[in-house]
Amino acid sequence: MNADLSGRHPAGREENPLLLPFAERELPAGRHRFHKERLMAQIHEDLRAADAGATAAPARTARARNPFLRRAFLVPATAFALTGVLTAGFLVYVDRGAADGPGSTMATGPALTTRIGAADPHGAPQLLDRISLVAASSPSDPAAVRADQFIYIGSKTATTYVKTDHGKRTLVSEELHMRHQWNSPDGGKGWLIEPGNTSPEGVTLEGTDEKGNARTAYLNAPTYDYLAGLPTDPDLLLQKIYAETKGMGGSPDQEAFTTIGDLLRASHPPAALTAALYKAAAKIPGVVTVDDAVDAAGRHGLAVARLDDRSGQREEWIFDRQTLAFLGERTVQVQGEAGEGGLIKPGTVVSTTAVMTRAVVDRMKEVPASAG
């Protein structure tokens, strides 16, 4: 979530005022600007959005999206200055290894590209209805989470951004890497480890708001307890989503789709709510199916997607063809060009995430055996 104070522009369509301490890089293309965000103890909460130079997007009137739900989590230099843990960019995992191994580095390479899958404007309601039935009986339903336990999500991810080297701009993608996050059910405690974006030890997600009060959960910054209290009637749920995201994003429909996608990818809702989210998504205009999509782990599947007409980028939720289990999410440029100088061409993978493990664990920083 960085932007260049000296005039760099993001790979996508938005800018933000923080510099990443590890390397000169642009804000990975994404969907939203931030107002404020907290990143370390006592400095976590949403950043104020810096809208200067981003006049094409409407001003946001609702609360900001939780930065920890976003694909890109870039730690500002101030956080490291305050804690004195500036890292060289490599990750040592806590307690045990993980999919990309101890000591993994954050490297970059050519921009990720893909075949653009064919969209079917008629198949989404039927597919989402089938997916919701599967989700309702999920064996991984975290229905019995104790207050002293933690929700763990391990995901493989990468983003594409504009890199500036001696005045030359090129489009690059991060190396695919693991992201590990733990949160208590009430949101009071949490931890994040992600190479290149946190110190080797990670950063705490614990803290209070700028007034010293406990954080209040809301739709774009949910806790497990908050999610457990949401309505499971699809119509009521969708109504709430539209109401709470009013004024955010490029359009109400796209923002509703994005919000549901964030919850599916970056949280662990109860099975009944997950099923309701899929049924709610089926009611959003413009939702389509895609014949083939690939997640960050290389797994092919069917996708439910929606095109953002403003950016030409399509957000795709990817599901296993046989089991219909949620695999991950990616954003692909499918129409026109984006980014500085039109560097993002059709077929560019703007961001990609594969959810590798969701689990309830007994200790913060505990990586479940299934993640290895």
Protein backbone atom coordinates (compact mmCIF):
# COMPACT_ATOMS: atom_id res chain seq x y z
CA MET A 1 0.00 0.00 0.00
CA ASN A 2 2.68 2.40 -0.93
CA ALA A 3 2.74 5.34 -3.22
CA ASP A 4 5.60 7.48 -4.38
CA LEU A 5 5.66 10.93 -2.86
CA SER A 6 7.85 12.03 -5.75
CA GLY A 7 5.36 11.21 -8.45
CA ARG A 8 5.31 7.46 -9.11
CA HIS A 9 1.98 5.92 -10.04
CA PRO A 10 0.51 2.54 -9.15
CA ALA A 11 0.23 -0.36 -11.52
CA GLY A 12 -3.52 -0.16 -11.32
CA ARG A 13 -5.63 2.90 -10.81
CA GLU A 14 -5.10 4.02 -7.23
CA GLU A 15 -2.43 5.73 -5.16
CA ASN A 16 -1.51 5.75 -1.48
CA PRO A 17 0.97 7.83 0.50
CA LEU A 18 3.31 5.36 2.18
CA LEU A 19 6.70 4.18 1.01
CA LEU A 20 7.72 0.55 1.27
CA PRO A 21 11.03 0.30 3.12
CA PHE A 22 12.43 -2.73 1.31
CA ALA A 23 12.49 -1.63 -2.32
CA GLU A 24 11.25 1.09 -4.58
CA ARG A 25 7.96 -0.18 -5.86
CA GLU A 26 4.53 0.96 -6.82
CA LEU A 27 1.22 0.18 -5.16
CA PRO A 28 0.06 -3.20 -6.50
CA ALA A 29 -3.06 -2.77 -8.58
CA GLY A 30 -6.05 -3.15 -6.33
CA ARG A 31 -9.56 -2.07 -5.82
CA HIS A 32 -9.60 0.36 -2.95
CA ARG A 33 -7.82 3.25 -1.29
CA PHE A 34 -7.29 3.22 2.43
CA HIS A 35 -8.08 5.85 5.04
CA LYS A 36 -5.99 4.48 7.87
CA GLU A 37 -4.47 1.22 8.93
CA ARG A 38 -2.69 -0.10 11.94
CA LEU A 39 0.37 -2.20 11.31
CA MET A 40 2.20 -2.62 14.61
CA ALA A 41 1.20 -2.57 18.27
CA GLN A 42 -0.46 0.74 19.03
CA ILE A 43 -0.23 1.88 15.39
CA HIS A 44 -2.76 -0.48 13.77
CA GLU A 45 -5.91 1.00 12.27
CA ASP A 46 -7.03 2.24 8.88
CA LEU A 47 -4.89 4.78 7.04
CA ARG A 48 -6.45 7.96 5.81
CA ALA A 49 -6.86 7.74 2.06
CA ALA A 50 -4.68 10.04 0.01
CA ASP A 51 -6.90 10.95 -2.91
CA ALA A 52 -4.61 13.51 -4.50
CA GLY A 53 -4.15 12.62 -8.13
CA ALA A 54 -6.87 9.98 -8.04
CA THR A 55 -9.71 12.16 -9.27
CA ALA A 56 -11.13 9.45 -11.50
CA ALA A 57 -12.44 7.50 -8.55
CA PRO A 58 -15.36 8.73 -6.44
CA ALA A 59 -14.64 9.84 -2.89
CA ARG A 60 -15.39 7.23 -0.28
CA THR A 61 -17.98 8.02 2.30
CA ALA A 62 -17.98 4.71 4.13
CA ARG A 63 -15.41 3.17 6.42
CA ALA A 64 -12.28 1.78 4.82
CA ARG A 65 -11.66 -1.84 3.96
CA ASN A 66 -9.59 -3.73 6.49
CA PRO A 67 -6.03 -3.71 5.10
CA PHE A 68 -5.48 -7.25 6.35
CA LEU A 69 -8.18 -8.48 3.98
CA ARG A 70 -6.41 -7.04 0.99
CA ARG A 71 -4.10 -8.98 -1.28
CA ALA A 72 -1.26 -6.54 -0.74
CA PHE A 73 -0.05 -5.80 2.76
CA LEU A 74 2.90 -3.42 2.62
CA VAL A 75 4.41 -2.26 5.88
CA PRO A 76 5.25 1.44 6.09
CA ALA A 77 8.75 2.51 7.06
CA THR A 78 7.40 4.25 10.15
CA ALA A 79 6.29 0.93 11.62
CA PHE A 80 9.79 -0.47 11.38
CA ALA A 81 11.36 2.72 12.66
CA LEU A 82 9.16 2.54 15.74
CA THR A 83 9.93 -1.10 16.43
CA GLY A 84 13.51 -1.26 15.23
CA VAL A 85 13.01 -4.42 13.23
CA LEU A 86 13.92 -3.40 9.68
CA THR A 87 14.36 -6.63 7.76
CA ALA A 88 16.52 -7.63 4.83
CA GLY A 89 13.44 -9.11 3.19
CA PHE A 90 13.60 -12.80 4.11
CA LEU A 91 11.21 -14.81 6.23
CA VAL A 92 11.91 -17.29 8.99
CA TYR A 93 8.70 -19.09 9.85
CA VAL A 94 7.57 -19.52 13.41
CA ASP A 95 7.55 -23.01 14.96
CA ARG A 96 7.91 -24.94 11.71
CA GLY A 97 8.49 -24.62 7.98
CA ALA A 98 5.85 -23.86 5.42
CA ALA A 99 5.18 -24.33 1.74
CA ASP A 100 7.84 -21.94 0.51
CA GLY A 101 10.35 -22.94 3.16
CA PRO A 102 12.35 -21.17 5.86
CA GLY A 103 14.48 -18.30 4.71
CA SER A 104 12.40 -17.65 1.64
CA THR A 105 13.07 -14.34 -0.09
CA MET A 106 10.76 -11.88 -1.78
CA ALA A 107 11.94 -11.67 -5.36
CA THR A 108 10.34 -10.23 -8.47
CA GLY A 109 10.19 -11.37 -12.04
CA PRO A 110 8.27 -10.76 -15.25
CA ALA A 111 4.62 -9.87 -14.86
CA LEU A 112 2.34 -12.87 -14.42
CA THR A 113 0.10 -13.53 -17.42
CA THR A 114 -2.69 -15.95 -18.23
CA ARG A 115 -5.14 -17.06 -20.85
CA ILE A 116 -8.34 -15.07 -20.48
CA GLY A 117 -11.11 -17.57 -19.84
CA ALA A 118 -14.39 -17.35 -21.69
CA ALA A 119 -17.25 -15.84 -19.69
CA ASP A 120 -20.79 -17.22 -19.61
CA PRO A 121 -23.33 -14.57 -18.53
CA HIS A 122 -26.03 -17.16 -17.77
CA GLY A 123 -24.48 -19.88 -15.63
CA ALA A 124 -23.60 -18.06 -12.40
CA PRO A 125 -26.85 -18.49 -10.42
CA GLN A 126 -26.92 -22.25 -10.95
CA LEU A 127 -23.23 -22.71 -10.16
CA LEU A 128 -23.39 -20.53 -7.05
CA ASP A 129 -26.43 -22.45 -5.83
CA ARG A 130 -24.47 -25.70 -6.10
CA ILE A 131 -21.46 -24.13 -4.39
CA SER A 132 -23.61 -22.85 -1.55
CA LEU A 133 -24.98 -26.35 -0.92
CA VAL A 134 -21.43 -27.69 -0.67
CA ALA A 135 -20.39 -24.86 1.64
CA ALA A 136 -23.34 -25.42 3.96
CA SER A 137 -22.06 -28.90 4.80
CA SER A 138 -18.35 -28.07 4.85
CA PRO A 139 -16.33 -30.37 7.17
CA SER A 140 -14.05 -27.43 7.96
CA ASP A 141 -16.86 -25.33 9.44
CA PRO A 142 -15.29 -23.46 12.41
CA ALA A 143 -18.56 -23.46 14.34
CA ALA A 144 -17.02 -24.28 17.71
CA VAL A 145 -14.21 -21.76 18.05
CA ARG A 146 -13.28 -21.11 21.66
CA ALA A 147 -12.44 -17.63 22.84
CA ASP A 148 -8.85 -18.70 23.56
CA GLN A 149 -8.27 -20.17 20.09
CA PHE A 150 -7.19 -18.55 16.82
CA ILE A 151 -8.32 -18.64 13.22
CA TYR A 152 -5.31 -19.44 11.01
CA ILE A 153 -5.24 -18.73 7.28
CA GLY A 154 -2.26 -19.72 5.17
CA SER A 155 -2.32 -18.51 1.59
CA LYS A 156 0.00 -18.34 -1.38
CA THR A 157 -0.10 -14.96 -3.05
CA ALA A 158 1.55 -12.45 -5.37
CA THR A 159 0.75 -9.06 -6.82
CA THR A 160 1.84 -7.21 -9.94
CA TYR A 161 3.13 -3.65 -9.76
CA VAL A 162 5.13 -1.00 -11.59
CA LYS A 163 8.79 -0.93 -10.59
CA THR A 164 10.96 2.13 -11.22
CA ASP A 165 14.70 1.65 -11.76
CA HIS A 166 16.77 4.71 -12.71
CA GLY A 167 13.68 6.37 -14.09
CA LYS A 168 12.62 3.36 -16.15
CA ARG A 169 9.24 1.81 -15.34
CA THR A 170 8.64 -1.88 -15.82
CA LEU A 171 5.79 -4.16 -14.85
CA VAL A 172 6.88 -6.94 -12.49
CA SER A 173 5.24 -9.53 -10.28
CA GLU A 174 6.25 -10.66 -6.84
CA GLU A 175 7.52 -14.16 -6.37
CA LEU A 176 4.67 -16.35 -5.23
CA HIS A 177 5.01 -16.58 -1.45
CA MET A 178 3.19 -17.73 1.65
CA ARG A 179 1.23 -15.39 3.90
CA HIS A 180 0.40 -16.55 7.43
CA GLN A 181 -2.24 -14.84 9.54
CA TRP A 182 -3.72 -15.58 12.97
CA ASN A 183 -6.69 -13.83 14.60
CA SER A 184 -8.57 -14.42 17.83
CA PRO A 185 -12.35 -14.78 17.43
CA ASP A 186 -12.97 -11.35 18.96
CA GLY A 187 -10.20 -9.70 16.92
CA GLY A 188 -8.34 -8.56 20.01
CA LYS A 189 -5.22 -10.57 19.21
CA GLY A 190 -3.57 -11.40 15.91
CA TRP A 191 -0.32 -11.86 14.04
CA LEU A 192 0.85 -11.64 10.43
CA ILE A 193 3.95 -13.05 8.75
CA GLU A 194 4.57 -12.31 5.08
CA PRO A 195 7.98 -12.15 3.39
CA GLY A 196 8.90 -8.74 2.07
CA ASN A 197 6.01 -7.09 3.82
CA THR A 198 6.78 -7.80 7.49
CA SER A 199 9.86 -8.46 9.57
CA PRO A 200 10.99 -12.09 9.83
CA GLU A 201 9.12 -12.32 13.13
CA GLY A 202 6.00 -10.76 11.64
CA VAL A 203 3.81 -7.98 13.03
CA THR A 204 1.13 -7.95 15.64
CA LEU A 205 -2.42 -7.16 14.58
CA GLU A 206 -3.29 -6.29 18.14
CA GLY A 207 -3.99 -2.81 19.38
CA THR A 208 -6.50 -0.04 19.80
CA ASP A 209 -7.78 2.75 17.61
CA GLU A 210 -6.38 6.26 17.60
CA LYS A 211 -8.46 7.11 20.67
CA GLY A 212 -7.24 4.13 22.65
CA ASN A 213 -10.50 2.23 22.35
CA ALA A 214 -10.94 -1.39 21.35
CA ARG A 215 -11.49 -1.82 17.64
CA THR A 216 -15.09 -2.17 16.50
CA ALA A 217 -15.63 -4.88 13.91
CA TYR A 218 -17.56 -4.08 10.74
CA LEU A 219 -18.12 -5.65 7.36
CA ASN A 220 -14.78 -4.68 5.82
CA ALA A 221 -12.85 -5.27 9.05
CA PRO A 222 -14.64 -8.31 10.49
CA THR A 223 -13.81 -10.62 13.34
CA TYR A 224 -15.01 -14.21 13.54
CA ASP A 225 -17.47 -13.22 16.26
CA TYR A 226 -18.81 -10.44 14.03
CA LEU A 227 -19.23 -12.82 11.09
CA ALA A 228 -21.03 -15.33 13.29
CA GLY A 229 -23.64 -12.67 14.02
CA LEU A 230 -24.38 -11.69 10.41
CA PRO A 231 -27.72 -12.66 8.86
CA THR A 232 -27.74 -15.88 6.87
CA ASP A 233 -30.76 -14.90 4.82
CA PRO A 234 -29.19 -14.02 1.41
CA ASP A 235 -31.51 -11.07 0.76
CA LEU A 236 -30.91 -9.50 4.18
CA LEU A 237 -27.20 -10.17 3.90
CA LEU A 238 -26.90 -8.56 0.48
CA GLN A 239 -28.94 -5.58 1.66
CA LYS A 240 -26.51 -5.10 4.52
CA ILE A 241 -23.52 -5.36 2.19
CA TYR A 242 -24.89 -2.72 -0.16
CA ALA A 243 -25.74 -0.42 2.75
CA GLU A 244 -22.36 -0.69 4.48
CA THR A 245 -20.31 -0.29 1.30
CA LYS A 246 -22.28 2.61 -0.13
CA GLY A 247 -19.96 5.11 -1.81
CA MET A 248 -17.02 2.70 -1.94
CA GLY A 249 -15.39 1.32 -5.06
CA GLY A 250 -16.29 1.91 -8.67
CA SER A 251 -19.94 0.90 -8.44
CA PRO A 252 -22.30 -0.56 -5.81
CA ASP A 253 -22.49 -3.92 -7.58
CA GLN A 254 -18.73 -4.26 -8.03
CA GLU A 255 -18.08 -3.25 -4.44
CA ALA A 256 -20.61 -5.80 -3.17
CA PHE A 257 -18.92 -8.52 -5.22
CA THR A 258 -15.49 -7.43 -4.01
CA THR A 259 -16.61 -7.40 -0.38
CA ILE A 260 -17.96 -10.94 -0.60
CA GLY A 261 -14.76 -12.06 -2.31
CA ASP A 262 -12.66 -10.57 0.48
CA LEU A 263 -14.67 -12.46 3.09
CA LEU A 264 -14.41 -15.74 1.18
CA ARG A 265 -10.67 -15.40 0.67
CA ALA A 266 -9.35 -13.78 3.83
CA SER A 267 -11.66 -14.91 6.63
CA HIS A 268 -13.13 -18.17 7.89
CA PRO A 269 -16.90 -17.61 8.21
CA PRO A 270 -19.25 -20.21 9.68
CA ALA A 271 -20.61 -22.59 7.04
CA ALA A 272 -24.12 -21.12 7.13
CA LEU A 273 -22.77 -17.63 6.42
CA THR A 274 -20.47 -18.88 3.65
CA ALA A 275 -23.45 -20.51 1.95
CA ALA A 276 -25.44 -17.28 2.30
CA LEU A 277 -22.58 -15.25 0.80
CA TYR A 278 -22.64 -17.41 -2.33
CA LYS A 279 -26.41 -17.08 -2.64
CA ALA A 280 -26.13 -13.32 -2.15
CA ALA A 281 -23.46 -13.11 -4.86
CA ALA A 282 -25.83 -14.84 -7.29
CA LYS A 283 -28.18 -11.86 -6.96
CA ILE A 284 -25.56 -9.26 -7.99
CA PRO A 285 -26.00 -8.07 -11.59
CA GLY A 286 -23.14 -8.78 -13.96
CA VAL A 287 -21.83 -11.92 -12.24
CA VAL A 288 -20.68 -14.56 -14.75
CA THR A 289 -18.95 -17.93 -14.84
CA VAL A 290 -15.54 -18.47 -16.45
CA ASP A 291 -14.61 -21.77 -18.07
CA ASP A 292 -11.06 -21.94 -16.71
CA ALA A 293 -9.00 -20.04 -14.14
CA VAL A 294 -5.77 -20.84 -12.27
CA ASP A 295 -5.04 -19.95 -8.66
CA ALA A 296 -1.65 -18.98 -7.19
CA ALA A 297 -0.86 -22.64 -6.46
CA GLY A 298 -1.35 -23.59 -10.12
CA ARG A 299 -4.70 -25.32 -9.54
CA HIS A 300 -7.17 -25.04 -12.42
CA GLY A 301 -10.85 -24.67 -11.77
CA LEU A 302 -14.12 -23.01 -12.66
CA ALA A 303 -14.59 -19.39 -11.70
CA VAL A 304 -17.36 -17.04 -10.69
CA ALA A 305 -16.40 -13.56 -11.76
CA ARG A 306 -17.39 -9.97 -12.35
CA LEU A 307 -15.84 -7.39 -14.68
CA ASP A 308 -15.12 -3.92 -13.36
CA ASP A 309 -16.08 -1.79 -16.33
CA ARG A 310 -14.06 1.15 -15.04
CA SER A 311 -10.71 -0.65 -14.91
CA GLY A 312 -11.24 -3.49 -17.36
CA GLN A 313 -10.17 -5.92 -14.64
CA ARG A 314 -12.12 -9.10 -13.84
CA GLU A 315 -12.22 -10.48 -10.34
CA GLU A 316 -12.42 -14.28 -10.40
CA TRP A 317 -13.27 -16.64 -7.53
CA ILE A 318 -11.83 -20.06 -8.37
CA PHE A 319 -13.42 -23.39 -7.39
CA ASP A 320 -12.37 -27.01 -7.75
CA ARG A 321 -14.20 -28.56 -10.70
CA GLN A 322 -15.11 -31.76 -8.86
CA THR A 323 -15.65 -30.74 -5.23
CA LEU A 324 -16.60 -27.07 -5.82
CA ALA A 325 -14.35 -26.13 -2.88
CA PHE A 326 -13.08 -22.56 -2.88
CA LEU A 327 -9.46 -22.53 -4.10
CA GLY A 328 -8.57 -18.87 -4.35
CA GLU A 329 -9.08 -15.61 -6.16
CA ARG A 330 -7.34 -13.59 -8.82
CA THR A 331 -7.79 -10.32 -10.70
CA VAL A 332 -7.03 -10.30 -14.42
CA GLN A 333 -6.88 -7.43 -16.89
CA VAL A 334 -9.31 -8.49 -19.61
CA GLN A 335 -10.20 -5.24 -21.38
CA GLY A 336 -8.11 -2.26 -22.40
CA GLU A 337 -4.87 -1.23 -20.76
CA ALA A 338 -4.15 0.08 -17.27
CA GLY A 339 -1.28 1.38 -15.21
CA GLU A 340 1.35 3.98 -15.98
CA GLY A 341 1.84 4.13 -19.74
CA GLY A 342 -0.67 1.32 -20.22
CA LEU A 343 1.82 -1.26 -18.96
CA ILE A 344 -0.94 -3.60 -17.80
CA LYS A 345 -2.14 -5.37 -20.93
CA PRO A 346 -5.02 -7.84 -21.32
CA GLY A 347 -3.97 -11.17 -19.87
CA THR A 348 -1.95 -9.65 -17.02
CA VAL A 349 -2.62 -11.23 -13.62
CA VAL A 350 -2.92 -8.18 -11.39
CA SER A 351 -3.12 -10.21 -8.18
CA THR A 352 -3.52 -13.85 -7.27
CA THR A 353 -4.16 -15.80 -4.07
CA ALA A 354 -4.56 -19.48 -3.30
CA VAL A 355 -5.99 -20.40 0.08
CA MET A 356 -3.85 -23.34 1.19
CA THR A 357 -5.05 -23.87 4.76
CA ARG A 358 -7.81 -22.58 7.03
CA ALA A 359 -7.88 -23.98 10.52
CA VAL A 360 -8.65 -23.32 14.15
CA VAL A 361 -5.47 -23.56 16.24
CA ASP A 362 -4.80 -23.35 19.95
CA ARG A 363 -1.86 -20.93 19.87
CA MET A 364 -0.98 -17.78 17.97
CA LYS A 365 1.85 -18.49 15.49
CA GLU A 366 0.94 -22.20 15.46
CA VAL A 367 1.02 -23.49 11.88
CA PRO A 368 -1.23 -26.56 11.49
CA ALA A 369 0.30 -29.76 10.15
CA SER A 370 -1.95 -29.54 7.09
CA ALA A 371 -0.09 -26.40 6.00
CA GLY A 372 3.17 -28.24 5.50
